[in-house]
Amino acid sequence: VCRMISDYDVCAICSDRTRDHNTICVVESVRDVMSIENTGQYRGVYHVLGGIISPIAGVGPSDLTISDLVERVKQGEGIEVILALSGDVEGETTSFYIYRQISGYGVKVTSLARGLGFGDDLEYADELTLGRSIVNRQIFRP
């Protein structure tokens, strides 16, 4: 279902009925699933793309599992799709492409928060990261 590695037809995450099957976290690779799972903060399911769109590397949308994701979205109701892709040009391009493919199906599309990491120095942050941190600022809660 999600394109995770599994010995069974349906992986352990997708077959877990205690997980929220209306929240799909879209990731580039199986390693990303493991990273998110290690946080213990996410209880939805995943969709592994198998890469990201990269014209330089010769990877287009048809080389990824985007059409499978679109089919999953079409079949669901009240679905949230979390775009958990890298913040580089290829990741942003892939996120935008996916958004364009699924936005007409009444799904909620979100992305991971982006910006400065805890303990980062402003002088070493690139302009895009710093700019997003300013735009996506949050109320200070001491």
N, C-alpha and C. Protein backbone atom coordinates (compact mmCIF):
# COMPACT_ATOMS: atom_id res chain seq x y z
N VAL A 1 0.84 -1.20 0.00
CA VAL A 1 0.00 0.00 0.00
C VAL A 1 0.87 1.25 0.00
N CYS A 2 1.87 1.29 0.88
CA CYS A 2 2.67 2.50 1.06
C CYS A 2 4.03 2.43 0.36
N ARG A 3 4.37 1.28 -0.16
CA ARG A 3 5.67 1.04 -0.82
C ARG A 3 6.82 0.89 0.17
N MET A 4 6.50 0.55 1.42
CA MET A 4 7.51 0.23 2.42
C MET A 4 8.02 -1.18 2.16
N ILE A 5 9.21 -1.45 2.62
CA ILE A 5 9.77 -2.81 2.52
C ILE A 5 9.05 -3.69 3.54
N SER A 6 8.61 -4.85 3.08
CA SER A 6 7.88 -5.75 3.97
C SER A 6 7.94 -7.18 3.44
N ASP A 7 7.88 -8.13 4.35
CA ASP A 7 7.81 -9.53 3.97
C ASP A 7 6.38 -9.94 3.62
N TYR A 8 5.44 -9.07 3.90
CA TYR A 8 4.03 -9.37 3.68
C TYR A 8 3.45 -8.42 2.63
N ASP A 9 2.24 -8.73 2.16
CA ASP A 9 1.58 -7.87 1.18
C ASP A 9 1.33 -6.46 1.72
N VAL A 10 1.00 -6.38 2.99
CA VAL A 10 0.76 -5.10 3.65
C VAL A 10 1.74 -4.99 4.81
N CYS A 11 2.47 -3.87 4.88
CA CYS A 11 3.50 -3.70 5.92
C CYS A 11 2.87 -3.60 7.31
N ALA A 12 3.70 -3.68 8.33
CA ALA A 12 3.24 -3.63 9.72
C ALA A 12 2.57 -2.31 10.05
N ILE A 13 3.05 -1.23 9.47
CA ILE A 13 2.46 0.09 9.76
C ILE A 13 1.07 0.19 9.14
N CYS A 14 0.95 -0.18 7.87
CA CYS A 14 -0.36 -0.10 7.19
C CYS A 14 -1.39 -1.07 7.77
N SER A 15 -0.92 -2.18 8.29
CA SER A 15 -1.86 -3.17 8.84
C SER A 15 -2.23 -2.88 10.29
N ASP A 16 -1.60 -1.91 10.92
CA ASP A 16 -1.88 -1.53 12.30
C ASP A 16 -3.17 -0.72 12.36
N ARG A 17 -4.21 -1.29 12.92
CA ARG A 17 -5.52 -0.63 12.96
C ARG A 17 -5.59 0.52 13.96
N THR A 18 -4.59 0.64 14.83
CA THR A 18 -4.58 1.74 15.79
C THR A 18 -4.02 3.03 15.18
N ARG A 19 -3.46 2.94 13.98
CA ARG A 19 -2.91 4.12 13.32
C ARG A 19 -4.00 4.87 12.56
N ASP A 20 -3.79 6.15 12.34
CA ASP A 20 -4.73 7.01 11.63
C ASP A 20 -4.52 6.83 10.12
N HIS A 21 -5.39 6.10 9.47
CA HIS A 21 -5.26 5.81 8.05
C HIS A 21 -5.77 6.95 7.17
N ASN A 22 -6.25 8.01 7.78
CA ASN A 22 -6.67 9.20 7.02
C ASN A 22 -5.57 10.25 6.96
N THR A 23 -4.42 9.97 7.57
CA THR A 23 -3.27 10.87 7.52
C THR A 23 -2.13 10.12 6.85
N ILE A 24 -1.72 10.63 5.70
CA ILE A 24 -0.67 9.98 4.91
C ILE A 24 0.54 10.91 4.86
N CYS A 25 1.66 10.43 5.35
CA CYS A 25 2.90 11.19 5.33
C CYS A 25 3.71 10.74 4.11
N VAL A 26 3.94 11.65 3.19
CA VAL A 26 4.66 11.35 1.95
C VAL A 26 6.14 11.60 2.17
N VAL A 27 6.94 10.55 1.95
CA VAL A 27 8.39 10.65 2.15
C VAL A 27 9.11 10.15 0.90
N GLU A 28 10.39 10.50 0.84
CA GLU A 28 11.21 10.10 -0.30
C GLU A 28 11.62 8.64 -0.22
N SER A 29 12.01 8.17 0.97
CA SER A 29 12.59 6.83 1.08
C SER A 29 12.18 6.13 2.37
N VAL A 30 12.50 4.85 2.44
CA VAL A 30 12.24 4.04 3.63
C VAL A 30 13.01 4.61 4.82
N ARG A 31 14.20 5.15 4.58
CA ARG A 31 14.99 5.76 5.67
C ARG A 31 14.22 6.89 6.33
N ASP A 32 13.46 7.63 5.54
CA ASP A 32 12.67 8.74 6.09
C ASP A 32 11.56 8.21 7.01
N VAL A 33 10.97 7.09 6.63
CA VAL A 33 9.95 6.46 7.48
C VAL A 33 10.57 6.11 8.83
N MET A 34 11.74 5.50 8.79
CA MET A 34 12.41 5.10 10.03
C MET A 34 12.73 6.32 10.90
N SER A 35 13.18 7.40 10.28
CA SER A 35 13.49 8.62 11.03
C SER A 35 12.25 9.17 11.72
N ILE A 36 11.15 9.23 11.00
CA ILE A 36 9.91 9.76 11.59
C ILE A 36 9.38 8.82 12.67
N GLU A 37 9.44 7.53 12.42
CA GLU A 37 8.99 6.56 13.41
C GLU A 37 9.80 6.66 14.70
N ASN A 38 11.09 6.93 14.58
CA ASN A 38 11.95 7.05 15.76
C ASN A 38 11.58 8.21 16.67
N THR A 39 10.84 9.20 16.14
CA THR A 39 10.42 10.32 16.98
C THR A 39 9.30 9.92 17.93
N GLY A 40 8.50 8.92 17.56
CA GLY A 40 7.36 8.51 18.37
C GLY A 40 6.22 9.51 18.34
N GLN A 41 6.26 10.48 17.44
CA GLN A 41 5.27 11.57 17.40
C GLN A 41 4.21 11.41 16.32
N TYR A 42 4.37 10.46 15.43
CA TYR A 42 3.45 10.34 14.30
C TYR A 42 2.72 9.00 14.36
N ARG A 43 1.40 9.04 14.21
CA ARG A 43 0.59 7.82 14.31
C ARG A 43 -0.23 7.56 13.05
N GLY A 44 0.11 8.22 11.96
CA GLY A 44 -0.58 7.98 10.70
C GLY A 44 0.14 6.91 9.89
N VAL A 45 -0.14 6.88 8.59
CA VAL A 45 0.51 5.94 7.68
C VAL A 45 1.40 6.72 6.71
N TYR A 46 2.10 6.01 5.85
CA TYR A 46 3.08 6.63 4.97
C TYR A 46 2.81 6.32 3.51
N HIS A 47 3.51 7.07 2.66
CA HIS A 47 3.60 6.75 1.24
C HIS A 47 5.03 7.06 0.82
N VAL A 48 5.76 6.02 0.42
CA VAL A 48 7.17 6.16 0.02
C VAL A 48 7.23 6.37 -1.49
N LEU A 49 7.78 7.52 -1.90
CA LEU A 49 7.86 7.86 -3.32
C LEU A 49 8.93 7.09 -4.08
N GLY A 50 9.99 6.72 -3.40
CA GLY A 50 11.10 6.04 -4.07
C GLY A 50 12.06 7.03 -4.72
N GLY A 51 12.04 8.28 -4.27
CA GLY A 51 12.92 9.31 -4.80
C GLY A 51 12.18 10.63 -4.88
N ILE A 52 12.81 11.61 -5.52
CA ILE A 52 12.19 12.90 -5.76
C ILE A 52 12.45 13.32 -7.20
N ILE A 53 11.63 14.22 -7.69
CA ILE A 53 11.78 14.70 -9.07
C ILE A 53 13.12 15.43 -9.18
N SER A 54 13.93 14.99 -10.14
CA SER A 54 15.24 15.60 -10.36
C SER A 54 15.59 15.52 -11.84
N PRO A 55 15.26 16.56 -12.60
CA PRO A 55 15.56 16.54 -14.03
C PRO A 55 17.05 16.31 -14.32
N ILE A 56 17.92 16.83 -13.48
CA ILE A 56 19.36 16.66 -13.68
C ILE A 56 19.74 15.18 -13.59
N ALA A 57 19.11 14.46 -12.67
CA ALA A 57 19.39 13.03 -12.50
C ALA A 57 18.51 12.16 -13.41
N GLY A 58 17.65 12.80 -14.21
CA GLY A 58 16.79 12.05 -15.11
C GLY A 58 15.61 11.39 -14.43
N VAL A 59 15.19 11.91 -13.27
CA VAL A 59 14.05 11.35 -12.53
C VAL A 59 12.85 12.27 -12.72
N GLY A 60 11.81 11.73 -13.35
CA GLY A 60 10.58 12.48 -13.56
C GLY A 60 9.46 11.92 -12.71
N PRO A 61 8.31 12.57 -12.72
CA PRO A 61 7.16 12.12 -11.93
C PRO A 61 6.76 10.67 -12.20
N SER A 62 6.88 10.22 -13.44
CA SER A 62 6.48 8.85 -13.78
C SER A 62 7.44 7.81 -13.21
N ASP A 63 8.62 8.23 -12.76
CA ASP A 63 9.58 7.30 -12.15
C ASP A 63 9.30 7.07 -10.67
N LEU A 64 8.38 7.83 -10.11
CA LEU A 64 8.05 7.75 -8.70
C LEU A 64 6.65 7.15 -8.53
N THR A 65 6.24 6.94 -7.29
CA THR A 65 4.93 6.33 -7.02
C THR A 65 3.84 7.38 -6.78
N ILE A 66 3.95 8.50 -7.48
CA ILE A 66 2.97 9.58 -7.30
C ILE A 66 1.58 9.17 -7.76
N SER A 67 1.49 8.43 -8.86
CA SER A 67 0.16 8.01 -9.34
C SER A 67 -0.51 7.08 -8.33
N ASP A 68 0.26 6.26 -7.63
CA ASP A 68 -0.30 5.41 -6.58
C ASP A 68 -0.85 6.25 -5.43
N LEU A 69 -0.13 7.32 -5.09
CA LEU A 69 -0.60 8.23 -4.04
C LEU A 69 -1.91 8.89 -4.46
N VAL A 70 -2.00 9.33 -5.68
CA VAL A 70 -3.22 9.96 -6.19
C VAL A 70 -4.39 8.98 -6.06
N GLU A 71 -4.18 7.71 -6.39
CA GLU A 71 -5.24 6.70 -6.27
C GLU A 71 -5.66 6.52 -4.81
N ARG A 72 -4.70 6.53 -3.89
CA ARG A 72 -5.02 6.42 -2.46
C ARG A 72 -5.88 7.59 -2.02
N VAL A 73 -5.53 8.78 -2.48
CA VAL A 73 -6.26 9.99 -2.10
C VAL A 73 -7.67 9.95 -2.67
N LYS A 74 -7.82 9.51 -3.91
CA LYS A 74 -9.14 9.42 -4.55
C LYS A 74 -10.08 8.52 -3.77
N GLN A 75 -9.56 7.45 -3.19
CA GLN A 75 -10.39 6.46 -2.49
C GLN A 75 -10.76 6.88 -1.08
N GLY A 76 -10.05 7.85 -0.51
CA GLY A 76 -10.28 8.23 0.87
C GLY A 76 -11.24 9.38 1.03
N GLU A 77 -11.52 9.68 2.29
CA GLU A 77 -12.41 10.78 2.62
C GLU A 77 -11.87 11.45 3.87
N GLY A 78 -11.80 12.77 3.87
CA GLY A 78 -11.27 13.49 5.02
C GLY A 78 -9.79 13.23 5.24
N ILE A 79 -9.04 13.12 4.16
CA ILE A 79 -7.63 12.76 4.24
C ILE A 79 -6.75 14.00 4.38
N GLU A 80 -5.70 13.85 5.18
CA GLU A 80 -4.63 14.84 5.24
C GLU A 80 -3.39 14.20 4.66
N VAL A 81 -2.73 14.91 3.76
CA VAL A 81 -1.47 14.46 3.18
C VAL A 81 -0.38 15.39 3.68
N ILE A 82 0.59 14.82 4.38
CA ILE A 82 1.72 15.59 4.89
C ILE A 82 2.89 15.40 3.93
N LEU A 83 3.35 16.47 3.33
CA LEU A 83 4.49 16.42 2.42
C LEU A 83 5.76 16.57 3.25
N ALA A 84 6.42 15.45 3.52
CA ALA A 84 7.60 15.42 4.37
C ALA A 84 8.85 15.20 3.51
N LEU A 85 9.04 16.10 2.56
CA LEU A 85 10.16 15.99 1.64
C LEU A 85 11.21 17.04 1.98
N SER A 86 12.40 16.86 1.45
CA SER A 86 13.49 17.79 1.75
C SER A 86 13.15 19.20 1.28
N GLY A 87 13.81 20.17 1.89
CA GLY A 87 13.55 21.57 1.57
C GLY A 87 14.41 22.11 0.44
N ASP A 88 15.10 21.24 -0.27
CA ASP A 88 15.90 21.70 -1.40
C ASP A 88 15.02 21.87 -2.64
N VAL A 89 15.61 22.30 -3.74
CA VAL A 89 14.85 22.60 -4.96
C VAL A 89 14.08 21.36 -5.45
N GLU A 90 14.74 20.20 -5.44
CA GLU A 90 14.07 18.99 -5.91
C GLU A 90 12.91 18.59 -5.01
N GLY A 91 13.11 18.70 -3.69
CA GLY A 91 12.04 18.38 -2.75
C GLY A 91 10.86 19.32 -2.88
N GLU A 92 11.15 20.60 -3.04
CA GLU A 92 10.07 21.58 -3.21
C GLU A 92 9.34 21.37 -4.53
N THR A 93 10.08 21.05 -5.58
CA THR A 93 9.46 20.77 -6.88
C THR A 93 8.53 19.57 -6.78
N THR A 94 9.00 18.53 -6.12
CA THR A 94 8.19 17.31 -5.95
C THR A 94 6.95 17.62 -5.12
N SER A 95 7.09 18.37 -4.04
CA SER A 95 5.95 18.74 -3.20
C SER A 95 4.92 19.53 -4.01
N PHE A 96 5.39 20.49 -4.79
CA PHE A 96 4.48 21.30 -5.61
C PHE A 96 3.76 20.43 -6.64
N TYR A 97 4.48 19.52 -7.27
CA TYR A 97 3.88 18.63 -8.26
C TYR A 97 2.79 17.77 -7.61
N ILE A 98 3.11 17.20 -6.46
CA ILE A 98 2.13 16.35 -5.76
C ILE A 98 0.92 17.19 -5.37
N TYR A 99 1.16 18.38 -4.86
CA TYR A 99 0.05 19.26 -4.48
C TYR A 99 -0.88 19.49 -5.66
N ARG A 100 -0.30 19.78 -6.81
CA ARG A 100 -1.11 20.02 -8.01
C ARG A 100 -1.91 18.78 -8.42
N GLN A 101 -1.36 17.60 -8.17
CA GLN A 101 -2.04 16.36 -8.55
C GLN A 101 -3.20 16.00 -7.62
N ILE A 102 -3.11 16.37 -6.34
CA ILE A 102 -4.11 15.91 -5.36
C ILE A 102 -5.02 17.01 -4.83
N SER A 103 -4.71 18.26 -5.11
CA SER A 103 -5.49 19.35 -4.50
C SER A 103 -6.95 19.37 -4.93
N GLY A 104 -7.27 18.81 -6.05
CA GLY A 104 -8.65 18.80 -6.53
C GLY A 104 -9.54 17.76 -5.88
N TYR A 105 -9.00 16.97 -4.97
CA TYR A 105 -9.77 15.89 -4.35
C TYR A 105 -10.24 16.20 -2.93
N GLY A 106 -10.18 17.47 -2.55
CA GLY A 106 -10.70 17.87 -1.24
C GLY A 106 -9.86 17.39 -0.07
N VAL A 107 -8.57 17.18 -0.28
CA VAL A 107 -7.71 16.75 0.80
C VAL A 107 -7.03 17.95 1.45
N LYS A 108 -6.68 17.78 2.69
CA LYS A 108 -5.89 18.79 3.40
C LYS A 108 -4.43 18.45 3.12
N VAL A 109 -3.69 19.41 2.58
CA VAL A 109 -2.28 19.19 2.27
C VAL A 109 -1.44 20.06 3.18
N THR A 110 -0.55 19.43 3.94
CA THR A 110 0.33 20.15 4.86
C THR A 110 1.77 19.77 4.55
N SER A 111 2.69 20.51 5.14
CA SER A 111 4.10 20.17 5.01
C SER A 111 4.76 20.30 6.38
N LEU A 112 5.94 19.74 6.50
CA LEU A 112 6.67 19.84 7.75
C LEU A 112 7.05 21.30 8.00
N ALA A 113 7.13 21.66 9.26
CA ALA A 113 7.61 23.00 9.60
C ALA A 113 9.04 23.14 9.12
N ARG A 114 9.38 24.30 8.64
CA ARG A 114 10.73 24.55 8.15
C ARG A 114 11.27 25.79 8.84
N GLY A 115 12.56 25.83 9.00
CA GLY A 115 13.18 27.00 9.60
C GLY A 115 14.42 26.62 10.37
N LEU A 116 14.76 27.45 11.31
CA LEU A 116 15.96 27.24 12.10
C LEU A 116 15.78 26.10 13.08
N GLY A 117 16.81 25.31 13.21
CA GLY A 117 16.80 24.25 14.20
C GLY A 117 17.13 24.81 15.58
N PHE A 118 16.76 24.10 16.59
CA PHE A 118 17.04 24.51 17.96
C PHE A 118 18.55 24.62 18.15
N GLY A 119 19.01 25.78 18.58
CA GLY A 119 20.43 25.98 18.83
C GLY A 119 21.22 26.47 17.63
N ASP A 120 20.55 26.69 16.48
CA ASP A 120 21.26 27.16 15.28
C ASP A 120 21.63 28.64 15.43
N ASP A 121 22.78 29.01 14.85
CA ASP A 121 23.20 30.41 14.80
C ASP A 121 22.63 31.07 13.56
N LEU A 122 22.09 32.28 13.70
CA LEU A 122 21.51 33.01 12.57
C LEU A 122 22.55 33.30 11.49
N GLU A 123 23.76 33.61 11.88
CA GLU A 123 24.77 34.00 10.89
C GLU A 123 25.13 32.86 9.94
N TYR A 124 24.86 31.61 10.33
CA TYR A 124 25.19 30.47 9.47
C TYR A 124 24.00 29.94 8.68
N ALA A 125 22.83 30.53 8.91
CA ALA A 125 21.62 30.07 8.21
C ALA A 125 21.58 30.67 6.80
N ASP A 126 21.15 29.86 5.83
CA ASP A 126 21.01 30.39 4.48
C ASP A 126 19.75 31.27 4.41
N GLU A 127 19.64 32.06 3.36
CA GLU A 127 18.55 33.03 3.25
C GLU A 127 17.18 32.37 3.20
N LEU A 128 17.07 31.24 2.50
CA LEU A 128 15.78 30.56 2.39
C LEU A 128 15.31 30.06 3.75
N THR A 129 16.21 29.43 4.50
CA THR A 129 15.86 28.92 5.82
C THR A 129 15.48 30.06 6.76
N LEU A 130 16.28 31.10 6.77
CA LEU A 130 16.01 32.24 7.64
C LEU A 130 14.70 32.93 7.25
N GLY A 131 14.49 33.08 5.95
CA GLY A 131 13.25 33.69 5.47
C GLY A 131 12.02 32.89 5.87
N ARG A 132 12.09 31.57 5.74
CA ARG A 132 10.95 30.73 6.14
C ARG A 132 10.73 30.80 7.65
N SER A 133 11.81 30.90 8.39
CA SER A 133 11.69 31.01 9.84
C SER A 133 10.94 32.27 10.23
N ILE A 134 11.19 33.35 9.51
CA ILE A 134 10.51 34.61 9.80
C ILE A 134 9.04 34.53 9.39
N VAL A 135 8.79 34.04 8.19
CA VAL A 135 7.41 33.94 7.68
C VAL A 135 6.57 33.00 8.54
N ASN A 136 7.15 31.90 8.99
CA ASN A 136 6.40 30.89 9.76
C ASN A 136 6.62 31.02 11.26
N ARG A 137 6.89 32.22 11.73
CA ARG A 137 7.14 32.42 13.16
C ARG A 137 5.91 32.03 13.97
N GLN A 138 6.16 31.69 15.22
CA GLN A 138 5.10 31.24 16.12
C GLN A 138 5.05 32.15 17.36
N ILE A 139 3.94 32.11 18.05
CA ILE A 139 3.80 32.86 19.30
C ILE A 139 4.78 32.30 20.30
N PHE A 140 5.51 33.19 20.97
CA PHE A 140 6.48 32.78 21.97
C PHE A 140 5.75 32.27 23.20
N ARG A 141 6.10 31.09 23.64
CA ARG A 141 5.51 30.47 24.83
C ARG A 141 6.64 30.09 25.78
N PRO A 142 6.88 30.95 26.80
CA PRO A 142 7.98 30.65 27.72
C PRO A 142 7.72 29.43 28.58
